[in-house]
Amino acid sequence: MSDRAVVASERISAIQQRLAEGLAKIDPHHRLLGRPLSYRVIDGRTLEITYRDVAGIAEAEVLGVKRILGRDCYCTVAPQTAESVTVRFVVPLE
């Protein structure tokens, strides 16, 4: 495994741990907590975190997750069905 891959793996583990510890505090209505969650590494440099089947999300919750993930992350919210949205966070790993 290359040095870059090791650093990326360590950073992903740290992000997952911070989310596990911090999400309950910033998501009191459980809009993200317990939703289907996936992680995908893009080009070895970026982590995409996707929450599916989210009934809705407030800007305060998005900002809370961004505080957990770091200042350089981005978020998109897109319709999934008439009743739910997909919330996607993109975090640089470098």
Protein backbone atom coordinates (compact mmCIF):
# COMPACT_ATOMS: atom_id res chain seq x y z
CA MET A 1 0.00 0.00 0.00
CA SER A 2 1.42 3.41 -0.94
CA ASP A 3 1.96 6.20 1.55
CA ARG A 4 -0.91 8.14 -0.04
CA ALA A 5 -3.26 5.15 0.36
CA VAL A 6 -2.25 4.72 4.01
CA VAL A 7 -2.86 8.40 4.75
CA ALA A 8 -6.23 8.28 2.94
CA SER A 9 -7.25 5.15 4.85
CA GLU A 10 -6.31 6.75 8.17
CA ARG A 11 -8.18 9.93 7.28
CA ILE A 12 -11.29 7.95 6.27
CA SER A 13 -11.24 6.04 9.57
CA ALA A 14 -10.93 9.31 11.49
CA ILE A 15 -13.84 10.83 9.56
CA GLN A 16 -16.02 7.76 10.18
CA GLN A 17 -15.22 7.89 13.89
CA ARG A 18 -15.97 11.63 14.15
CA LEU A 19 -19.30 11.09 12.39
CA ALA A 20 -20.21 8.17 14.65
CA GLU A 21 -19.42 10.22 17.76
CA GLY A 22 -20.79 13.59 16.66
CA LEU A 23 -23.83 12.91 14.53
CA ALA A 24 -26.20 12.21 17.44
CA LYS A 25 -25.34 15.62 18.94
CA ILE A 26 -26.04 17.64 15.80
CA ASP A 27 -28.93 15.56 14.42
CA PRO A 28 -31.56 15.65 17.20
CA HIS A 29 -34.39 14.76 14.80
CA HIS A 30 -32.48 11.75 13.42
CA ARG A 31 -32.77 12.94 9.85
CA LEU A 32 -29.37 11.42 9.00
CA LEU A 33 -28.80 9.10 11.93
CA GLY A 34 -29.90 5.60 10.96
CA ARG A 35 -30.37 6.40 7.25
CA PRO A 36 -28.67 4.19 4.64
CA LEU A 37 -25.08 5.43 4.42
CA SER A 38 -22.35 4.76 1.88
CA TYR A 39 -18.73 5.82 1.55
CA ARG A 40 -16.92 6.00 -1.79
CA VAL A 41 -13.37 7.09 -2.52
CA ILE A 42 -13.09 9.07 -5.73
CA ASP A 43 -9.73 9.12 -7.51
CA GLY A 44 -7.94 8.28 -4.26
CA ARG A 45 -8.19 11.92 -3.20
CA THR A 46 -11.78 12.56 -2.23
CA LEU A 47 -14.30 10.81 0.01
CA GLU A 48 -17.98 10.91 -0.91
CA ILE A 49 -20.39 10.26 1.97
CA THR A 50 -23.97 9.65 0.86
CA TYR A 51 -27.08 9.44 3.04
CA ARG A 52 -30.15 8.06 1.26
CA ASP A 53 -33.86 8.05 2.13
CA VAL A 54 -33.59 11.29 4.13
CA ALA A 55 -37.02 12.80 4.81
CA GLY A 56 -35.58 16.33 4.91
CA ILE A 57 -32.59 18.22 6.21
CA ALA A 58 -32.20 21.61 7.86
CA GLU A 59 -29.31 23.92 7.07
CA ALA A 60 -28.23 23.80 10.72
CA GLU A 61 -27.80 20.02 10.43
CA VAL A 62 -25.80 20.36 7.22
CA LEU A 63 -23.56 22.95 8.88
CA GLY A 64 -23.14 20.66 11.90
CA VAL A 65 -21.98 17.78 9.70
CA LYS A 66 -19.64 20.14 7.84
CA ARG A 67 -18.11 21.15 11.19
CA ILE A 68 -17.51 17.46 11.97
CA LEU A 69 -16.03 16.74 8.53
CA GLY A 70 -13.84 19.80 8.17
CA ARG A 71 -13.94 23.21 6.63
CA ASP A 72 -13.17 22.08 3.08
CA CYS A 73 -16.11 19.73 2.60
CA TYR A 74 -19.06 20.33 0.28
CA CYS A 75 -22.67 19.23 0.49
CA THR A 76 -25.40 18.64 -2.07
CA VAL A 77 -29.02 17.74 -1.48
CA ALA A 78 -30.92 16.16 -4.36
CA PRO A 79 -34.42 14.73 -4.71
CA GLN A 80 -34.52 10.95 -4.51
CA THR A 81 -38.27 10.36 -4.47
CA ALA A 82 -41.27 12.60 -3.82
CA GLU A 83 -40.82 11.95 -0.09
CA SER A 84 -37.05 11.76 0.33
CA VAL A 85 -33.74 13.33 -0.63
CA THR A 86 -30.16 12.18 -0.98
CA VAL A 87 -27.63 14.16 1.03
CA ARG A 88 -24.05 13.93 -0.23
CA PHE A 89 -20.93 15.28 1.44
CA VAL A 90 -17.61 15.42 -0.42
CA VAL A 91 -14.43 15.63 1.65
CA PRO A 92 -10.88 16.05 0.33
CA LEU A 93 -8.52 13.43 1.75
CA GLU A 94 -5.32 15.40 1.20
